[in-house]
Amino acid sequence: MVEPLNPNTMFCQKAQTIIDLQERGYDHDFVLDKETIWCVQHEVPVYPDDFEIVEVHHCGAQLDELSSCVIYGIRLYNYDIKGIMMSRYTTLYNGVSIRMWTKLNNAVAALTGELACA
């Protein structure tokens, strides 16, 4: 059984993960939208076929908790751009397209060994 983490510990894990990614060149920010991820610095949408999820980090006690989040290390295929996207785990259940859901869900499944939502 996994011991629940207190919010301060979880925050430290989030911060440490983000700092580590930034130090390794993940210097852009992405925001999850329904059909795309949005590159904040360039103000452009990026479609699921145009990026890969290189790393996935889970911060929180359990994947289904409201306070749980997933941090993605993202690399664009056609550009020398790497960045970070952070979302609540529950986002995988609501509001994203099937293509985006599949991409995110498969990345989480690789981390956990199981699908987030079948």
PDB file of N, CA and C in Angstrom:
ATOM      1  N   MET A   1       0.841  -1.190   0.000  1.00  0.00           N
ATOM      2  CA  MET A   1       0.000   0.000   0.000  1.00  0.00           C
ATOM      3  C   MET A   1       0.881   1.246   0.000  1.00  0.00           C
ATOM      4  N   VAL A   2       0.519   2.188  -0.836  1.00  0.00           N
ATOM      5  CA  VAL A   2       1.258   3.447  -0.933  1.00  0.00           C
ATOM      6  C   VAL A   2       0.795   4.376   0.171  1.00  0.00           C
ATOM      7  N   GLU A   3       1.739   4.938   0.886  1.00  0.00           N
ATOM      8  CA  GLU A   3       1.406   5.901   1.931  1.00  0.00           C
ATOM      9  C   GLU A   3       1.008   7.225   1.292  1.00  0.00           C
ATOM     10  N   PRO A   4      -0.100   7.829   1.744  1.00  0.00           N
ATOM     11  CA  PRO A   4      -0.480   9.132   1.197  1.00  0.00           C
ATOM     12  C   PRO A   4       0.603  10.167   1.488  1.00  0.00           C
ATOM     13  N   LEU A   5       0.819  11.054   0.542  1.00  0.00           N
ATOM     14  CA  LEU A   5       1.796  12.120   0.718  1.00  0.00           C
ATOM     15  C   LEU A   5       1.088  13.382   1.173  1.00  0.00           C
ATOM     16  N   ASN A   6       1.723  14.133   2.058  1.00  0.00           N
ATOM     17  CA  ASN A   6       1.100  15.394   2.451  1.00  0.00           C
ATOM     18  C   ASN A   6       1.318  16.409   1.331  1.00  0.00           C
ATOM     19  N   PRO A   7       0.501  17.450   1.273  1.00  0.00           N
ATOM     20  CA  PRO A   7       0.584  18.409   0.163  1.00  0.00           C
ATOM     21  C   PRO A   7       1.957  19.056   0.018  1.00  0.00           C
ATOM     22  N   ASN A   8       2.649  19.309   1.131  1.00  0.00           N
ATOM     23  CA  ASN A   8       3.974  19.920   1.045  1.00  0.00           C
ATOM     24  C   ASN A   8       4.960  18.996   0.346  1.00  0.00           C
ATOM     25  N   THR A   9       4.903  17.713   0.658  1.00  0.00           N
ATOM     26  CA  THR A   9       5.785  16.747   0.008  1.00  0.00           C
ATOM     27  C   THR A   9       5.463  16.663  -1.468  1.00  0.00           C
ATOM     28  N   MET A  10       4.165  16.622  -1.807  1.00  0.00           N
ATOM     29  CA  MET A  10       3.780  16.525  -3.204  1.00  0.00           C
ATOM     30  C   MET A  10       4.244  17.769  -3.959  1.00  0.00           C
ATOM     31  N   PHE A  11       4.105  18.947  -3.342  1.00  0.00           N
ATOM     32  CA  PHE A  11       4.554  20.178  -3.991  1.00  0.00           C
ATOM     33  C   PHE A  11       6.048  20.111  -4.275  1.00  0.00           C
ATOM     34  N   CYS A  12       6.811  19.618  -3.304  1.00  0.00           N
ATOM     35  CA  CYS A  12       8.256  19.505  -3.510  1.00  0.00           C
ATOM     36  C   CYS A  12       8.557  18.566  -4.666  1.00  0.00           C
ATOM     37  N   GLN A  13       7.826  17.471  -4.772  1.00  0.00           N
ATOM     38  CA  GLN A  13       8.049  16.554  -5.881  1.00  0.00           C
ATOM     39  C   GLN A  13       7.741  17.242  -7.209  1.00  0.00           C
ATOM     40  N   LYS A  14       6.662  17.995  -7.258  1.00  0.00           N
ATOM     41  CA  LYS A  14       6.317  18.713  -8.490  1.00  0.00           C
ATOM     42  C   LYS A  14       7.425  19.688  -8.851  1.00  0.00           C
ATOM     43  N   ALA A  15       7.823  20.492  -7.874  1.00  0.00           N
ATOM     44  CA  ALA A  15       8.851  21.500  -8.122  1.00  0.00           C
ATOM     45  C   ALA A  15      10.156  20.849  -8.551  1.00  0.00           C
ATOM     46  N   GLN A  16      10.557  19.790  -7.874  1.00  0.00           N
ATOM     47  CA  GLN A  16      11.808  19.112  -8.216  1.00  0.00           C
ATOM     48  C   GLN A  16      11.748  18.525  -9.618  1.00  0.00           C
ATOM     49  N   THR A  17      10.610  17.951  -9.973  1.00  0.00           N
ATOM     50  CA  THR A  17      10.450  17.369 -11.306  1.00  0.00           C
ATOM     51  C   THR A  17      10.539  18.444 -12.377  1.00  0.00           C
ATOM     52  N   ILE A  18       9.852  19.561 -12.168  1.00  0.00           N
ATOM     53  CA  ILE A  18       9.866  20.654 -13.145  1.00  0.00           C
ATOM     54  C   ILE A  18      11.266  21.250 -13.280  1.00  0.00           C
ATOM     55  N   ILE A  19      11.935  21.462 -12.161  1.00  0.00           N
ATOM     56  CA  ILE A  19      13.302  22.004 -12.203  1.00  0.00           C
ATOM     57  C   ILE A  19      14.230  21.057 -12.951  1.00  0.00           C
ATOM     58  N   ASP A  20      14.114  19.762 -12.676  1.00  0.00           N
ATOM     59  CA  ASP A  20      14.951  18.771 -13.356  1.00  0.00           C
ATOM     60  C   ASP A  20      14.720  18.797 -14.866  1.00  0.00           C
ATOM     61  N   LEU A  21      13.461  18.838 -15.276  1.00  0.00           N
ATOM     62  CA  LEU A  21      13.152  18.888 -16.706  1.00  0.00           C
ATOM     63  C   LEU A  21      13.703  20.165 -17.342  1.00  0.00           C
ATOM     64  N   GLN A  22      13.529  21.289 -16.664  1.00  0.00           N
ATOM     65  CA  GLN A  22      14.040  22.553 -17.203  1.00  0.00           C
ATOM     66  C   GLN A  22      15.557  22.523 -17.348  1.00  0.00           C
ATOM     67  N   GLU A  23      16.238  21.944 -16.384  1.00  0.00           N
ATOM     68  CA  GLU A  23      17.699  21.854 -16.454  1.00  0.00           C
ATOM     69  C   GLU A  23      18.156  20.959 -17.604  1.00  0.00           C
ATOM     70  N   ARG A  24      17.276  20.079 -18.067  1.00  0.00           N
ATOM     71  CA  ARG A  24      17.604  19.188 -19.175  1.00  0.00           C
ATOM     72  C   ARG A  24      17.049  19.684 -20.507  1.00  0.00           C
ATOM     73  N   GLY A  25      16.670  20.959 -20.562  1.00  0.00           N
ATOM     74  CA  GLY A  25      16.298  21.567 -21.833  1.00  0.00           C
ATOM     75  C   GLY A  25      14.816  21.618 -22.141  1.00  0.00           C
ATOM     76  N   TYR A  26      13.968  21.219 -21.228  1.00  0.00           N
ATOM     77  CA  TYR A  26      12.515  21.320 -21.429  1.00  0.00           C
ATOM     78  C   TYR A  26      12.107  22.737 -21.028  1.00  0.00           C
ATOM     79  N   ASP A  27      12.245  23.674 -21.975  1.00  0.00           N
ATOM     80  CA  ASP A  27      12.116  25.088 -21.639  1.00  0.00           C
ATOM     81  C   ASP A  27      10.870  25.766 -22.205  1.00  0.00           C
ATOM     82  N   HIS A  28       9.948  24.999 -22.734  1.00  0.00           N
ATOM     83  CA  HIS A  28       8.683  25.554 -23.209  1.00  0.00           C
ATOM     84  C   HIS A  28       7.545  25.029 -22.334  1.00  0.00           C
ATOM     85  N   ASP A  29       6.441  25.751 -22.350  1.00  0.00           N
ATOM     86  CA  ASP A  29       5.267  25.363 -21.569  1.00  0.00           C
ATOM     87  C   ASP A  29       4.136  24.994 -22.513  1.00  0.00           C
ATOM     88  N   PHE A  30       3.458  23.903 -22.195  1.00  0.00           N
ATOM     89  CA  PHE A  30       2.319  23.451 -22.979  1.00  0.00           C
ATOM     90  C   PHE A  30       1.098  23.344 -22.075  1.00  0.00           C
ATOM     91  N   VAL A  31      -0.056  23.696 -22.647  1.00  0.00           N
ATOM     92  CA  VAL A  31      -1.323  23.627 -21.930  1.00  0.00           C
ATOM     93  C   VAL A  31      -2.246  22.703 -22.712  1.00  0.00           C
ATOM     94  N   LEU A  32      -2.892  21.804 -22.010  1.00  0.00           N
ATOM     95  CA  LEU A  32      -3.790  20.846 -22.646  1.00  0.00           C
ATOM     96  C   LEU A  32      -5.080  21.523 -23.070  1.00  0.00           C
ATOM     97  N   ASP A  33      -5.458  21.309 -24.328  1.00  0.00           N
ATOM     98  CA  ASP A  33      -6.726  21.782 -24.862  1.00  0.00           C
ATOM     99  C   ASP A  33      -7.498  20.552 -25.321  1.00  0.00           C
ATOM    100  N   LYS A  34      -8.677  20.719 -25.857  1.00  0.00           N
ATOM    101  CA  LYS A  34      -9.493  19.563 -26.250  1.00  0.00           C
ATOM    102  C   LYS A  34      -8.852  18.735 -27.356  1.00  0.00           C
ATOM    103  N   GLU A  35      -8.420  19.379 -28.417  1.00  0.00           N
ATOM    104  CA  GLU A  35      -7.876  18.678 -29.585  1.00  0.00           C
ATOM    105  C   GLU A  35      -6.360  18.768 -29.681  1.00  0.00           C
ATOM    106  N   THR A  36      -5.753  19.700 -28.945  1.00  0.00           N
ATOM    107  CA  THR A  36      -4.330  20.008 -29.100  1.00  0.00           C
ATOM    108  C   THR A  36      -3.693  20.255 -27.740  1.00  0.00           C
ATOM    109  N   ILE A  37      -2.385  20.466 -27.782  1.00  0.00           N
ATOM    110  CA  ILE A  37      -1.718  21.123 -26.664  1.00  0.00           C
ATOM    111  C   ILE A  37      -1.286  22.484 -27.191  1.00  0.00           C
ATOM    112  N   TRP A  38      -1.319  23.479 -26.351  1.00  0.00           N
ATOM    113  CA  TRP A  38      -1.028  24.849 -26.750  1.00  0.00           C
ATOM    114  C   TRP A  38       0.382  25.202 -26.288  1.00  0.00           C
ATOM    115  N   CYS A  39       1.229  25.633 -27.211  1.00  0.00           N
ATOM    116  CA  CYS A  39       2.576  26.092 -26.865  1.00  0.00           C
ATOM    117  C   CYS A  39       2.468  27.556 -26.439  1.00  0.00           C
ATOM    118  N   VAL A  40       2.697  27.812 -25.171  1.00  0.00           N
ATOM    119  CA  VAL A  40       2.501  29.142 -24.612  1.00  0.00           C
ATOM    120  C   VAL A  40       3.470  30.156 -25.227  1.00  0.00           C
ATOM    121  N   GLN A  41       4.735  29.805 -25.339  1.00  0.00           N
ATOM    122  CA  GLN A  41       5.734  30.753 -25.827  1.00  0.00           C
ATOM    123  C   GLN A  41       5.498  31.168 -27.277  1.00  0.00           C
ATOM    124  N   HIS A  42       5.071  30.246 -28.120  1.00  0.00           N
ATOM    125  CA  HIS A  42       4.870  30.555 -29.541  1.00  0.00           C
ATOM    126  C   HIS A  42       3.405  30.798 -29.899  1.00  0.00           C
ATOM    127  N   GLU A  43       2.511  30.603 -28.938  1.00  0.00           N
ATOM    128  CA  GLU A  43       1.074  30.822 -29.124  1.00  0.00           C
ATOM    129  C   GLU A  43       0.535  30.072 -30.333  1.00  0.00           C
ATOM    130  N   VAL A  44       0.855  28.781 -30.395  1.00  0.00           N
ATOM    131  CA  VAL A  44       0.372  27.935 -31.487  1.00  0.00           C
ATOM    132  C   VAL A  44      -0.138  26.610 -30.928  1.00  0.00           C
ATOM    133  N   PRO A  45      -1.157  26.039 -31.604  1.00  0.00           N
ATOM    134  CA  PRO A  45      -1.613  24.711 -31.207  1.00  0.00           C
ATOM    135  C   PRO A  45      -0.679  23.639 -31.770  1.00  0.00           C
ATOM    136  N   VAL A  46      -0.544  22.558 -31.032  1.00  0.00           N
ATOM    137  CA  VAL A  46       0.255  21.420 -31.484  1.00  0.00           C
ATOM    138  C   VAL A  46      -0.648  20.192 -31.427  1.00  0.00           C
ATOM    139  N   TYR A  47      -0.800  19.524 -32.563  1.00  0.00           N
ATOM    140  CA  TYR A  47      -1.707  18.380 -32.667  1.00  0.00           C
ATOM    141  C   TYR A  47      -1.031  17.095 -32.192  1.00  0.00           C
ATOM    142  N   PRO A  48      -1.805  16.104 -31.781  1.00  0.00           N
ATOM    143  CA  PRO A  48      -1.240  14.868 -31.232  1.00  0.00           C
ATOM    144  C   PRO A  48      -0.207  14.187 -32.128  1.00  0.00           C
ATOM    145  N   ASP A  49      -0.368  14.288 -33.441  1.00  0.00           N
ATOM    146  CA  ASP A  49       0.591  13.652 -34.348  1.00  0.00           C
ATOM    147  C   ASP A  49       1.898  14.434 -34.485  1.00  0.00           C
ATOM    148  N   ASP A  50       1.965  15.626 -33.895  1.00  0.00           N
ATOM    149  CA  ASP A  50       3.132  16.489 -34.053  1.00  0.00           C
ATOM    150  C   ASP A  50       4.068  16.500 -32.846  1.00  0.00           C
ATOM    151  N   PHE A  51       3.770  15.694 -31.829  1.00  0.00           N
ATOM    152  CA  PHE A  51       4.644  15.659 -30.659  1.00  0.00           C
ATOM    153  C   PHE A  51       4.712  14.252 -30.086  1.00  0.00           C
ATOM    154  N   GLU A  52       5.763  14.039 -29.310  1.00  0.00           N
ATOM    155  CA  GLU A  52       5.880  12.784 -28.578  1.00  0.00           C
ATOM    156  C   GLU A  52       6.011  13.087 -27.092  1.00  0.00           C
ATOM    157  N   ILE A  53       5.524  12.167 -26.302  1.00  0.00           N
ATOM    158  CA  ILE A  53       5.673  12.260 -24.860  1.00  0.00           C
ATOM    159  C   ILE A  53       6.917  11.450 -24.509  1.00  0.00           C
ATOM    160  N   VAL A  54       7.958  12.155 -24.103  1.00  0.00           N
ATOM    161  CA  VAL A  54       9.246  11.532 -23.833  1.00  0.00           C
ATOM    162  C   VAL A  54       9.308  11.000 -22.408  1.00  0.00           C
ATOM    163  N   GLU A  55       8.726  11.741 -21.481  1.00  0.00           N
ATOM    164  CA  GLU A  55       8.746  11.367 -20.070  1.00  0.00           C
ATOM    165  C   GLU A  55       7.383  11.621 -19.456  1.00  0.00           C
ATOM    166  N   VAL A  56       7.054  10.815 -18.458  1.00  0.00           N
ATOM    167  CA  VAL A  56       5.830  11.002 -17.685  1.00  0.00           C
ATOM    168  C   VAL A  56       6.195  10.866 -16.214  1.00  0.00           C
ATOM    169  N   HIS A  57       5.766  11.835 -15.415  1.00  0.00           N
ATOM    170  CA  HIS A  57       6.038  11.812 -13.976  1.00  0.00           C
ATOM    171  C   HIS A  57       4.719  11.977 -13.237  1.00  0.00           C
ATOM    172  N   HIS A  58       4.458  11.075 -12.318  1.00  0.00           N
ATOM    173  CA  HIS A  58       3.256  11.164 -11.496  1.00  0.00           C
ATOM    174  C   HIS A  58       3.625  11.795 -10.167  1.00  0.00           C
ATOM    175  N   CYS A  59       2.907  12.842  -9.786  1.00  0.00           N
ATOM    176  CA  CYS A  59       3.121  13.492  -8.494  1.00  0.00           C
ATOM    177  C   CYS A  59       1.840  13.375  -7.690  1.00  0.00           C
ATOM    178  N   GLY A  60       1.890  12.638  -6.633  1.00  0.00           N
ATOM    179  CA  GLY A  60       0.735  12.443  -5.779  1.00  0.00           C
ATOM    180  C   GLY A  60       0.710  11.032  -5.254  1.00  0.00           C
ATOM    181  N   ALA A  61      -0.238  10.774  -4.371  1.00  0.00           N
ATOM    182  CA  ALA A  61      -0.297   9.477  -3.711  1.00  0.00           C
ATOM    183  C   ALA A  61      -0.878   8.399  -4.612  1.00  0.00           C
ATOM    184  N   GLN A  62      -1.993   8.705  -5.267  1.00  0.00           N
ATOM    185  CA  GLN A  62      -2.643   7.724  -6.125  1.00  0.00           C
ATOM    186  C   GLN A  62      -3.117   8.428  -7.384  1.00  0.00           C
ATOM    187  N   LEU A  63      -3.158   7.685  -8.479  1.00  0.00           N
ATOM    188  CA  LEU A  63      -3.508   8.305  -9.757  1.00  0.00           C
ATOM    189  C   LEU A  63      -4.935   8.824  -9.815  1.00  0.00           C
ATOM    190  N   ASP A  64      -5.835   8.316  -8.995  1.00  0.00           N
ATOM    191  CA  ASP A  64      -7.221   8.758  -9.105  1.00  0.00           C
ATOM    192  C   ASP A  64      -7.578   9.856  -8.108  1.00  0.00           C
ATOM    193  N   GLU A  65      -6.640  10.325  -7.321  1.00  0.00           N
ATOM    194  CA  GLU A  65      -6.943  11.376  -6.362  1.00  0.00           C
ATOM    195  C   GLU A  65      -7.039  12.728  -7.052  1.00  0.00           C
ATOM    196  N   LEU A  66      -7.875  13.585  -6.510  1.00  0.00           N
ATOM    197  CA  LEU A  66      -8.091  14.910  -7.087  1.00  0.00           C
ATOM    198  C   LEU A  66      -6.814  15.750  -7.093  1.00  0.00           C
ATOM    199  N   SER A  67      -5.984  15.579  -6.070  1.00  0.00           N
ATOM    200  CA  SER A  67      -4.769  16.389  -5.973  1.00  0.00           C
ATOM    201  C   SER A  67      -3.617  15.830  -6.795  1.00  0.00           C
ATOM    202  N   SER A  68      -3.815  14.684  -7.388  1.00  0.00           N
ATOM    203  CA  SER A  68      -2.767  14.031  -8.159  1.00  0.00           C
ATOM    204  C   SER A  68      -2.565  14.744  -9.492  1.00  0.00           C
ATOM    205  N   CYS A  69      -1.323  14.797  -9.944  1.00  0.00           N
ATOM    206  CA  CYS A  69      -1.070  15.392 -11.254  1.00  0.00           C
ATOM    207  C   CYS A  69      -0.045  14.564 -12.016  1.00  0.00           C
ATOM    208  N   VAL A  70      -0.043  14.773 -13.302  1.00  0.00           N
ATOM    209  CA  VAL A  70       0.907  14.119 -14.185  1.00  0.00           C
ATOM    210  C   VAL A  70       1.693  15.219 -14.894  1.00  0.00           C
ATOM    211  N   ILE A  71       3.013  15.079 -14.903  1.00  0.00           N
ATOM    212  CA  ILE A  71       3.884  16.029 -15.591  1.00  0.00           C
ATOM    213  C   ILE A  71       4.483  15.307 -16.787  1.00  0.00           C
ATOM    214  N   TYR A  72       4.288  15.890 -17.956  1.00  0.00           N
ATOM    215  CA  TYR A  72       4.751  15.286 -19.201  1.00  0.00           C
ATOM    216  C   TYR A  72       5.959  16.051 -19.726  1.00  0.00           C
ATOM    217  N   GLY A  73       6.987  15.324 -20.135  1.00  0.00           N
ATOM    218  CA  GLY A  73       8.091  15.904 -20.897  1.00  0.00           C
ATOM    219  C   GLY A  73       7.772  15.708 -22.369  1.00  0.00           C
ATOM    220  N   ILE A  74       7.636  16.799 -23.112  1.00  0.00           N
ATOM    221  CA  ILE A  74       7.137  16.755 -24.490  1.00  0.00           C
ATOM    222  C   ILE A  74       8.216  17.233 -25.457  1.00  0.00           C
ATOM    223  N   ARG A  75       8.288  16.566 -26.607  1.00  0.00           N
ATOM    224  CA  ARG A  75       9.202  16.992 -27.676  1.00  0.00           C
ATOM    225  C   ARG A  75       8.414  17.075 -28.969  1.00  0.00           C
ATOM    226  N   LEU A  76       8.555  18.209 -29.666  1.00  0.00           N
ATOM    227  CA  LEU A  76       7.897  18.365 -30.958  1.00  0.00           C
ATOM    228  C   LEU A  76       8.715  17.649 -32.021  1.00  0.00           C
ATOM    229  N   TYR A  77       8.044  16.957 -32.924  1.00  0.00           N
ATOM    230  CA  TYR A  77       8.726  16.186 -33.962  1.00  0.00           C
ATOM    231  C   TYR A  77       9.493  17.055 -34.949  1.00  0.00           C
ATOM    232  N   ASN A  78       8.890  18.135 -35.427  1.00  0.00           N
ATOM    233  CA  ASN A  78       9.463  18.902 -36.533  1.00  0.00           C
ATOM    234  C   ASN A  78      10.292  20.109 -36.110  1.00  0.00           C
ATOM    235  N   TYR A  79      10.437  20.321 -34.825  1.00  0.00           N
ATOM    236  CA  TYR A  79      11.174  21.481 -34.328  1.00  0.00           C
ATOM    237  C   TYR A  79      12.053  21.036 -33.177  1.00  0.00           C
ATOM    238  N   ASP A  80      13.071  21.800 -32.910  1.00  0.00           N
ATOM    239  CA  ASP A  80      13.952  21.503 -31.785  1.00  0.00           C
ATOM    240  C   ASP A  80      13.380  22.149 -30.523  1.00  0.00           C
ATOM    241  N   ILE A  81      12.176  21.705 -30.155  1.00  0.00           N
ATOM    242  CA  ILE A  81      11.478  22.276 -29.010  1.00  0.00           C
ATOM    243  C   ILE A  81      11.092  21.155 -28.059  1.00  0.00           C
ATOM    244  N   LYS A  82      11.460  21.356 -26.791  1.00  0.00           N
ATOM    245  CA  LYS A  82      11.041  20.450 -25.729  1.00  0.00           C
ATOM    246  C   LYS A  82      10.379  21.295 -24.654  1.00  0.00           C
ATOM    247  N   GLY A  83       9.385  20.730 -23.998  1.00  0.00           N
ATOM    248  CA  GLY A  83       8.700  21.483 -22.972  1.00  0.00           C
ATOM    249  C   GLY A  83       7.969  20.603 -21.989  1.00  0.00           C
ATOM    250  N   ILE A  84       7.251  21.262 -21.113  1.00  0.00           N
ATOM    251  CA  ILE A  84       6.569  20.613 -19.997  1.00  0.00           C
ATOM    252  C   ILE A  84       5.079  20.890 -20.083  1.00  0.00           C
ATOM    253  N   MET A  85       4.294  19.850 -19.833  1.00  0.00           N
ATOM    254  CA  MET A  85       2.854  20.013 -19.672  1.00  0.00           C
ATOM    255  C   MET A  85       2.466  19.320 -18.378  1.00  0.00           C
ATOM    256  N   MET A  86       1.709  20.010 -17.566  1.00  0.00           N
ATOM    257  CA  MET A  86       1.244  19.444 -16.306  1.00  0.00           C
ATOM    258  C   MET A  86      -0.275  19.459 -16.306  1.00  0.00           C
ATOM    259  N   SER A  87      -0.873  18.347 -15.906  1.00  0.00           N
ATOM    260  CA  SER A  87      -2.327  18.311 -15.816  1.00  0.00           C
ATOM    261  C   SER A  87      -2.739  17.400 -14.677  1.00  0.00           C
ATOM    262  N   ARG A  88      -3.944  17.628 -14.205  1.00  0.00           N
ATOM    263  CA  ARG A  88      -4.497  16.706 -13.218  1.00  0.00           C
ATOM    264  C   ARG A  88      -4.764  15.381 -13.893  1.00  0.00           C
ATOM    265  N   TYR A  89      -4.603  14.338 -13.134  1.00  0.00           N
ATOM    266  CA  TYR A  89      -4.833  13.007 -13.676  1.00  0.00           C
ATOM    267  C   TYR A  89      -6.266  12.864 -14.176  1.00  0.00           C
ATOM    268  N   THR A  90      -7.216  13.487 -13.492  1.00  0.00           N
ATOM    269  CA  THR A  90      -8.624  13.353 -13.864  1.00  0.00           C
ATOM    270  C   THR A  90      -8.941  14.001 -15.206  1.00  0.00           C
ATOM    271  N   THR A  91      -8.046  14.831 -15.744  1.00  0.00           N
ATOM    272  CA  THR A  91      -8.253  15.436 -17.057  1.00  0.00           C
ATOM    273  C   THR A  91      -8.391  14.373 -18.133  1.00  0.00           C
ATOM    274  N   LEU A  92      -7.768  13.217 -17.926  1.00  0.00           N
ATOM    275  CA  LEU A  92      -7.851  12.146 -18.919  1.00  0.00           C
ATOM    276  C   LEU A  92      -9.274  11.644 -19.100  1.00  0.00           C
ATOM    277  N   TYR A  93     -10.139  11.931 -18.159  1.00  0.00           N
ATOM    278  CA  TYR A  93     -11.515  11.453 -18.237  1.00  0.00           C
ATOM    279  C   TYR A  93     -12.450  12.427 -18.945  1.00  0.00           C
ATOM    280  N   ASN A  94     -12.102  13.689 -18.979  1.00  0.00           N
ATOM    281  CA  ASN A  94     -13.057  14.705 -19.431  1.00  0.00           C
ATOM    282  C   ASN A  94     -12.478  15.664 -20.458  1.00  0.00           C
ATOM    283  N   GLY A  95     -13.276  15.954 -21.474  1.00  0.00           N
ATOM    284  CA  GLY A  95     -13.046  17.116 -22.305  1.00  0.00           C
ATOM    285  C   GLY A  95     -11.986  17.059 -23.378  1.00  0.00           C
ATOM    286  N   VAL A  96     -11.257  15.966 -23.534  1.00  0.00           N
ATOM    287  CA  VAL A  96     -10.258  15.928 -24.595  1.00  0.00           C
ATOM    288  C   VAL A  96     -10.711  14.983 -25.700  1.00  0.00           C
ATOM    289  N   SER A  97     -10.193  15.211 -26.892  1.00  0.00           N
ATOM    290  CA  SER A  97     -10.559  14.369 -28.031  1.00  0.00           C
ATOM    291  C   SER A  97     -10.044  12.945 -27.828  1.00  0.00           C
ATOM    292  N   ILE A  98     -10.600  12.024 -28.589  1.00  0.00           N
ATOM    293  CA  ILE A  98     -10.167  10.628 -28.516  1.00  0.00           C
ATOM    294  C   ILE A  98      -8.690  10.506 -28.874  1.00  0.00           C
ATOM    295  N   ARG A  99      -8.240  11.211 -29.893  1.00  0.00           N
ATOM    296  CA  ARG A  99      -6.820  11.140 -30.283  1.00  0.00           C
ATOM    297  C   ARG A  99      -5.908  11.623 -29.163  1.00  0.00           C
ATOM    298  N   MET A 100      -6.282  12.739 -28.542  1.00  0.00           N
ATOM    299  CA  MET A 100      -5.462  13.272 -27.454  1.00  0.00           C
ATOM    300  C   MET A 100      -5.542  12.351 -26.239  1.00  0.00           C
ATOM    301  N   TRP A 101      -6.739  11.882 -25.920  1.00  0.00           N
ATOM    302  CA  TRP A 101      -6.922  10.979 -24.782  1.00  0.00           C
ATOM    303  C   TRP A 101      -6.063   9.733 -24.957  1.00  0.00           C
ATOM    304  N   THR A 102      -6.066   9.167 -26.161  1.00  0.00           N
ATOM    305  CA  THR A 102      -5.287   7.958 -26.423  1.00  0.00           C
ATOM    306  C   THR A 102      -3.799   8.211 -26.210  1.00  0.00           C
ATOM    307  N   LYS A 103      -3.310   9.320 -26.707  1.00  0.00           N
ATOM    308  CA  LYS A 103      -1.883   9.641 -26.564  1.00  0.00           C
ATOM    309  C   LYS A 103      -1.511   9.799 -25.091  1.00  0.00           C
ATOM    310  N   LEU A 104      -2.298  10.568 -24.350  1.00  0.00           N
ATOM    311  CA  LEU A 104      -2.008  10.792 -22.937  1.00  0.00           C
ATOM    312  C   LEU A 104      -2.188   9.517 -22.127  1.00  0.00           C
ATOM    313  N   ASN A 105      -3.262   8.790 -22.409  1.00  0.00           N
ATOM    314  CA  ASN A 105      -3.559   7.571 -21.664  1.00  0.00           C
ATOM    315  C   ASN A 105      -2.474   6.519 -21.881  1.00  0.00           C
ATOM    316  N   ASN A 106      -1.992   6.392 -23.103  1.00  0.00           N
ATOM    317  CA  ASN A 106      -0.922   5.432 -23.379  1.00  0.00           C
ATOM    318  C   ASN A 106       0.361   5.803 -22.644  1.00  0.00           C
ATOM    319  N   ALA A 107       0.638   7.091 -22.521  1.00  0.00           N
ATOM    320  CA  ALA A 107       1.827   7.529 -21.788  1.00  0.00           C
ATOM    321  C   ALA A 107       1.699   7.199 -20.307  1.00  0.00           C
ATOM    322  N   VAL A 108       0.510   7.423 -19.736  1.00  0.00           N
ATOM    323  CA  VAL A 108       0.285   7.087 -18.331  1.00  0.00           C
ATOM    324  C   VAL A 108       0.328   5.578 -18.143  1.00  0.00           C
ATOM    325  N   ALA A 109      -0.219   4.830 -19.098  1.00  0.00           N
ATOM    326  CA  ALA A 109      -0.197   3.365 -19.013  1.00  0.00           C
ATOM    327  C   ALA A 109       1.236   2.849 -19.004  1.00  0.00           C
ATOM    328  N   ALA A 110       2.111   3.484 -19.754  1.00  0.00           N
ATOM    329  CA  ALA A 110       3.515   3.078 -19.757  1.00  0.00           C
ATOM    330  C   ALA A 110       4.146   3.314 -18.386  1.00  0.00           C
ATOM    331  N   LEU A 111       3.683   4.343 -17.682  1.00  0.00           N
ATOM    332  CA  LEU A 111       4.187   4.655 -16.348  1.00  0.00           C
ATOM    333  C   LEU A 111       3.652   3.680 -15.314  1.00  0.00           C
ATOM    334  N   THR A 112       2.360   3.378 -15.399  1.00  0.00           N
ATOM    335  CA  THR A 112       1.707   2.610 -14.341  1.00  0.00           C
ATOM    336  C   THR A 112       1.511   1.145 -14.666  1.00  0.00           C
ATOM    337  N   GLY A 113       1.548   0.809 -15.946  1.00  0.00           N
ATOM    338  CA  GLY A 113       1.277  -0.566 -16.340  1.00  0.00           C
ATOM    339  C   GLY A 113      -0.192  -0.842 -16.549  1.00  0.00           C
ATOM    340  N   GLU A 114      -1.030   0.178 -16.430  1.00  0.00           N
ATOM    341  CA  GLU A 114      -2.453  -0.012 -16.683  1.00  0.00           C
ATOM    342  C   GLU A 114      -3.051   1.245 -17.289  1.00  0.00           C
ATOM    343  N   LEU A 115      -4.155   1.076 -17.982  1.00  0.00           N
ATOM    344  CA  LEU A 115      -4.824   2.209 -18.611  1.00  0.00           C
ATOM    345  C   LEU A 115      -5.535   3.035 -17.560  1.00  0.00           C
ATOM    346  N   ALA A 116      -5.576   4.338 -17.773  1.00  0.00           N
ATOM    347  CA  ALA A 116      -6.247   5.232 -16.838  1.00  0.00           C
ATOM    348  C   ALA A 116      -7.744   5.009 -16.858  1.00  0.00           C
ATOM    349  N   CYS A 117      -8.281   4.794 -18.025  1.00  0.00           N
ATOM    350  CA  CYS A 117      -9.722   4.619 -18.178  1.00  0.00           C
ATOM    351  C   CYS A 117      -9.938   3.757 -19.400  1.00  0.00           C
ATOM    352  N   ALA A 118     -10.607   2.657 -19.222  1.00  0.00           N
ATOM    353  CA  ALA A 118     -10.817   1.743 -20.351  1.00  0.00           C
ATOM    354  C   ALA A 118     -12.119   2.038 -21.044  1.00  0.00           C
TER     355      ALA A 118
END
